[in-house]
């Protein structure tokens, strides 16, 4: 079994409405086990648990929802 890792990204997801836009895309991706956005953090940290997606694939998913993601 592959070890699951949490990858963190700086994003521009800064409100509940923004999170609602990215939610369907992140939730439909089976390789994402769990995710959250810390909107209290000035960098709006998105944490994603995935055991198989690359950083670039995750950035692309966030981009599809209309937001930026930069790996920390």
Protein backbone atom coordinates (compact mmCIF):
# COMPACT_ATOMS: atom_id res chain seq x y z
CA UNK A 1 0.00 0.00 0.00
CA UNK A 2 1.30 3.43 -0.91
CA UNK A 3 1.87 5.88 1.90
CA UNK A 4 -0.56 8.77 1.69
CA UNK A 5 0.97 12.21 1.78
CA UNK A 6 -0.38 15.66 2.46
CA UNK A 7 0.68 18.33 -0.01
CA UNK A 8 0.23 22.01 0.84
CA UNK A 9 -0.37 24.84 -1.60
CA UNK A 10 -0.63 28.61 -1.30
CA UNK A 11 -3.88 29.60 -3.05
CA UNK A 12 -6.24 32.47 -3.73
CA UNK A 13 -9.25 30.53 -2.40
CA UNK A 14 -10.26 33.15 0.16
CA UNK A 15 -13.95 32.70 0.97
CA UNK A 16 -16.69 30.12 1.38
CA UNK A 17 -17.96 30.91 -2.12
CA UNK A 18 -14.51 30.25 -3.59
CA UNK A 19 -14.24 26.96 -1.71
CA UNK A 20 -17.67 26.00 -3.05
CA UNK A 21 -16.39 26.44 -6.62
CA UNK A 22 -13.37 24.18 -6.11
CA UNK A 23 -15.22 21.57 -3.99
CA UNK A 24 -16.85 19.56 -6.82
CA UNK A 25 -13.57 19.23 -8.72
CA UNK A 26 -11.60 18.11 -5.67
CA UNK A 27 -14.36 15.79 -4.44
CA UNK A 28 -14.79 14.04 -7.80
CA UNK A 29 -11.10 13.12 -7.99
CA UNK A 30 -10.87 9.63 -6.49
CA UNK A 31 -7.14 9.95 -5.79
CA UNK A 32 -7.83 12.80 -3.35
CA UNK A 33 -8.64 11.27 0.02
CA UNK A 34 -9.15 14.47 1.98
CA UNK A 35 -8.62 18.21 1.53
CA UNK A 36 -9.15 21.50 3.34
CA UNK A 37 -8.44 25.21 2.95
CA UNK A 38 -7.21 27.29 5.87
CA UNK A 39 -8.84 30.62 5.05
CA UNK A 40 -7.61 32.13 8.33
CA UNK A 41 -4.04 31.81 7.06
CA UNK A 42 -2.95 34.83 4.93
CA UNK A 43 -1.64 32.39 2.29
CA UNK A 44 -5.00 30.50 2.15
CA UNK A 45 -3.29 27.13 2.56
CA UNK A 46 -4.91 24.25 0.68
CA UNK A 47 -3.93 20.86 2.13
CA UNK A 48 -4.59 17.82 -0.03
CA UNK A 49 -4.13 14.18 0.94
CA UNK A 50 -3.41 12.05 -2.10
CA UNK A 51 -1.45 8.88 -2.64
CA UNK A 52 -1.05 9.11 -6.41
CA UNK A 53 -1.52 12.61 -7.87
CA UNK A 54 1.48 14.77 -8.72
CA UNK A 55 1.83 18.38 -7.59
CA UNK A 56 1.22 19.52 -11.17
CA UNK A 57 -1.98 17.47 -11.45
CA UNK A 58 -3.30 19.00 -8.23
CA UNK A 59 -2.41 22.53 -9.38
CA UNK A 60 -4.26 21.83 -12.65
CA UNK A 61 -7.42 20.73 -10.80
CA UNK A 62 -7.44 23.96 -8.77
CA UNK A 63 -6.75 25.95 -11.95
CA UNK A 64 -9.78 24.33 -13.65
CA UNK A 65 -11.95 25.82 -10.88
CA UNK A 66 -10.50 29.27 -11.66
CA UNK A 67 -7.97 29.57 -8.84
CA UNK A 68 -4.19 29.61 -8.42
CA UNK A 69 -2.21 27.08 -6.41
CA UNK A 70 1.50 27.23 -5.68
CA UNK A 71 3.23 24.36 -3.88
CA UNK A 72 4.79 25.30 -0.54
